[in-house]
Amino acid sequence: MAWVFLVVAGLLEIAWSSALKKADGLRRTGWSIAGIALAILSLALLSLALGDLPVGTAYAVWVGIGAVGVALTGIVAFGDRATPTRLAGLAAIVTGIVGLKLLGG
């Protein structure tokens, strides 16, 4: 169950950061509240996952899911550039996450 909590927490990282992007520097109240609430929920689920997983593995996976997901969301939804270097970096992060899952936890 810890891995489920961790993956959902990572997905919430994508959601809260996207909400804060839409919040326009916290000037749009609804998006701001949603972003902050989702961030708190993400941290709560990470905390639950840490009860059973090594902290280094859990944190790296949580951040990795968030980083890759936010970068891809930026490309798809916000018009960020999808350069070969950026995509190679994201592939390296995914490789590291998979390695941590297979070898570390």
C-alpha atoms as a PDB file:
ATOM      1  CA  MET A   1       0.000   0.000   0.000  1.00  0.00           C
ATOM      2  CA  ALA A   2       2.961   2.301   0.616  1.00  0.00           C
ATOM      3  CA  TRP A   3       3.803   2.336  -3.095  1.00  0.00           C
ATOM      4  CA  VAL A   4       0.217   3.267  -3.955  1.00  0.00           C
ATOM      5  CA  PHE A   5       0.375   6.175  -1.494  1.00  0.00           C
ATOM      6  CA  LEU A   6       3.694   7.235  -2.973  1.00  0.00           C
ATOM      7  CA  VAL A   7       2.531   7.155  -6.595  1.00  0.00           C
ATOM      8  CA  VAL A   8      -0.656   9.075  -5.772  1.00  0.00           C
ATOM      9  CA  ALA A   9       1.427  11.597  -3.813  1.00  0.00           C
ATOM     10  CA  GLY A  10       3.652  12.028  -6.868  1.00  0.00           C
ATOM     11  CA  LEU A  11       0.654  12.522  -9.136  1.00  0.00           C
ATOM     12  CA  LEU A  12      -0.658  15.137  -6.721  1.00  0.00           C
ATOM     13  CA  GLU A  13       2.672  16.945  -7.139  1.00  0.00           C
ATOM     14  CA  ILE A  14       1.749  17.394 -10.786  1.00  0.00           C
ATOM     15  CA  ALA A  15      -1.744  18.585  -9.898  1.00  0.00           C
ATOM     16  CA  TRP A  16      -0.723  21.115  -7.267  1.00  0.00           C
ATOM     17  CA  SER A  17       2.062  22.635  -9.307  1.00  0.00           C
ATOM     18  CA  SER A  18      -0.258  22.959 -12.296  1.00  0.00           C
ATOM     19  CA  ALA A  19      -2.885  24.598 -10.085  1.00  0.00           C
ATOM     20  CA  LEU A  20      -0.297  27.065  -8.810  1.00  0.00           C
ATOM     21  CA  LYS A  21       0.707  27.838 -12.405  1.00  0.00           C
ATOM     22  CA  LYS A  22      -2.940  28.696 -13.059  1.00  0.00           C
ATOM     23  CA  ALA A  23      -3.067  30.691  -9.794  1.00  0.00           C
ATOM     24  CA  ASP A  24      -0.947  33.406 -11.429  1.00  0.00           C
ATOM     25  CA  GLY A  25       1.259  34.186  -8.445  1.00  0.00           C
ATOM     26  CA  LEU A  26      -1.551  33.428  -5.955  1.00  0.00           C
ATOM     27  CA  ARG A  27      -3.700  36.171  -7.506  1.00  0.00           C
ATOM     28  CA  ARG A  28      -6.445  33.708  -8.498  1.00  0.00           C
ATOM     29  CA  THR A  29      -7.890  32.539  -5.204  1.00  0.00           C
ATOM     30  CA  GLY A  30      -9.610  29.331  -6.320  1.00  0.00           C
ATOM     31  CA  TRP A  31      -6.521  27.968  -8.067  1.00  0.00           C
ATOM     32  CA  SER A  32      -4.358  29.078  -5.144  1.00  0.00           C
ATOM     33  CA  ILE A  33      -6.489  27.251  -2.593  1.00  0.00           C
ATOM     34  CA  ALA A  34      -6.629  24.145  -4.790  1.00  0.00           C
ATOM     35  CA  GLY A  35      -2.854  24.155  -5.244  1.00  0.00           C
ATOM     36  CA  ILE A  36      -2.146  24.527  -1.544  1.00  0.00           C
ATOM     37  CA  ALA A  37      -4.701  21.864  -0.575  1.00  0.00           C
ATOM     38  CA  LEU A  38      -3.296  19.411  -3.120  1.00  0.00           C
ATOM     39  CA  ALA A  39       0.244  20.080  -1.881  1.00  0.00           C
ATOM     40  CA  ILE A  40      -0.800  19.300   1.687  1.00  0.00           C
ATOM     41  CA  LEU A  41      -2.509  16.096   0.556  1.00  0.00           C
ATOM     42  CA  SER A  42       0.597  15.116  -1.422  1.00  0.00           C
ATOM     43  CA  LEU A  43       2.776  15.602   1.670  1.00  0.00           C
ATOM     44  CA  ALA A  44       0.327  13.622   3.814  1.00  0.00           C
ATOM     45  CA  LEU A  45       0.434  10.669   1.427  1.00  0.00           C
ATOM     46  CA  LEU A  46       4.226  10.870   1.230  1.00  0.00           C
ATOM     47  CA  SER A  47       4.286  10.739   5.013  1.00  0.00           C
ATOM     48  CA  LEU A  48       2.143   7.592   5.010  1.00  0.00           C
ATOM     49  CA  ALA A  49       4.413   5.974   2.423  1.00  0.00           C
ATOM     50  CA  LEU A  50       7.470   6.759   4.541  1.00  0.00           C
ATOM     51  CA  GLY A  51       6.091   4.468   7.232  1.00  0.00           C
ATOM     52  CA  ASP A  52       7.103   1.453   5.101  1.00  0.00           C
ATOM     53  CA  LEU A  53       9.629   2.689   2.524  1.00  0.00           C
ATOM     54  CA  PRO A  54      13.210   3.906   2.863  1.00  0.00           C
ATOM     55  CA  VAL A  55      13.234   7.703   3.011  1.00  0.00           C
ATOM     56  CA  GLY A  56      15.793   8.132   0.226  1.00  0.00           C
ATOM     57  CA  THR A  57      13.922   5.896  -2.169  1.00  0.00           C
ATOM     58  CA  ALA A  58      10.506   7.341  -1.349  1.00  0.00           C
ATOM     59  CA  TYR A  59      11.626  10.944  -1.609  1.00  0.00           C
ATOM     60  CA  ALA A  60      13.484  10.381  -4.884  1.00  0.00           C
ATOM     61  CA  VAL A  61      10.487   8.613  -6.433  1.00  0.00           C
ATOM     62  CA  TRP A  62       8.070  11.299  -5.179  1.00  0.00           C
ATOM     63  CA  VAL A  63      10.191  14.121  -6.556  1.00  0.00           C
ATOM     64  CA  GLY A  64      10.881  12.205  -9.761  1.00  0.00           C
ATOM     65  CA  ILE A  65       7.220  11.576 -10.505  1.00  0.00           C
ATOM     66  CA  GLY A  66       6.511  15.218  -9.817  1.00  0.00           C
ATOM     67  CA  ALA A  67       9.431  16.548 -11.852  1.00  0.00           C
ATOM     68  CA  VAL A  68       8.763  14.390 -14.893  1.00  0.00           C
ATOM     69  CA  GLY A  69       5.017  14.876 -14.693  1.00  0.00           C
ATOM     70  CA  VAL A  70       5.268  18.640 -14.310  1.00  0.00           C
ATOM     71  CA  ALA A  71       7.758  18.893 -17.166  1.00  0.00           C
ATOM     72  CA  LEU A  72       5.487  16.851 -19.446  1.00  0.00           C
ATOM     73  CA  THR A  73       2.449  18.861 -18.343  1.00  0.00           C
ATOM     74  CA  GLY A  74       4.366  22.024 -19.140  1.00  0.00           C
ATOM     75  CA  ILE A  75       5.105  20.724 -22.615  1.00  0.00           C
ATOM     76  CA  VAL A  76       1.570  19.509 -23.317  1.00  0.00           C
ATOM     77  CA  ALA A  77      -0.571  22.085 -21.495  1.00  0.00           C
ATOM     78  CA  PHE A  78       1.534  25.216 -21.130  1.00  0.00           C
ATOM     79  CA  GLY A  79       3.562  25.309 -24.325  1.00  0.00           C
ATOM     80  CA  ASP A  80       7.005  24.601 -22.842  1.00  0.00           C
ATOM     81  CA  ARG A  81       9.617  23.505 -25.356  1.00  0.00           C
ATOM     82  CA  ALA A  82      10.261  19.766 -25.836  1.00  0.00           C
ATOM     83  CA  THR A  83      13.942  19.852 -26.734  1.00  0.00           C
ATOM     84  CA  PRO A  84      15.951  16.655 -27.180  1.00  0.00           C
ATOM     85  CA  THR A  85      18.072  17.595 -24.160  1.00  0.00           C
ATOM     86  CA  ARG A  86      15.009  18.120 -21.959  1.00  0.00           C
ATOM     87  CA  LEU A  87      13.471  14.823 -23.084  1.00  0.00           C
ATOM     88  CA  ALA A  88      16.761  12.974 -22.503  1.00  0.00           C
ATOM     89  CA  GLY A  89      16.939  14.422 -18.998  1.00  0.00           C
ATOM     90  CA  LEU A  90      13.397  13.289 -18.284  1.00  0.00           C
ATOM     91  CA  ALA A  91      14.255   9.810 -19.568  1.00  0.00           C
ATOM     92  CA  ALA A  92      17.224   9.741 -17.193  1.00  0.00           C
ATOM     93  CA  ILE A  93      14.961  10.625 -14.269  1.00  0.00           C
ATOM     94  CA  VAL A  94      12.509   7.859 -15.208  1.00  0.00           C
ATOM     95  CA  THR A  95      15.396   5.391 -15.469  1.00  0.00           C
ATOM     96  CA  GLY A  96      16.535   6.386 -11.991  1.00  0.00           C
ATOM     97  CA  ILE A  97      13.025   5.991 -10.536  1.00  0.00           C
ATOM     98  CA  VAL A  98      12.660   2.534 -12.067  1.00  0.00           C
ATOM     99  CA  GLY A  99      16.115   1.593 -10.746  1.00  0.00           C
ATOM    100  CA  LEU A 100      15.199   2.732  -7.251  1.00  0.00           C
ATOM    101  CA  LYS A 101      11.973   0.736  -7.344  1.00  0.00           C
ATOM    102  CA  LEU A 102      13.675  -2.401  -8.606  1.00  0.00           C
ATOM    103  CA  LEU A 103      16.788  -2.184  -6.447  1.00  0.00           C
ATOM    104  CA  GLY A 104      15.852  -0.128  -3.437  1.00  0.00           C
ATOM    105  CA  GLY A 105      12.465  -0.835  -2.203  1.00  0.00           C
END
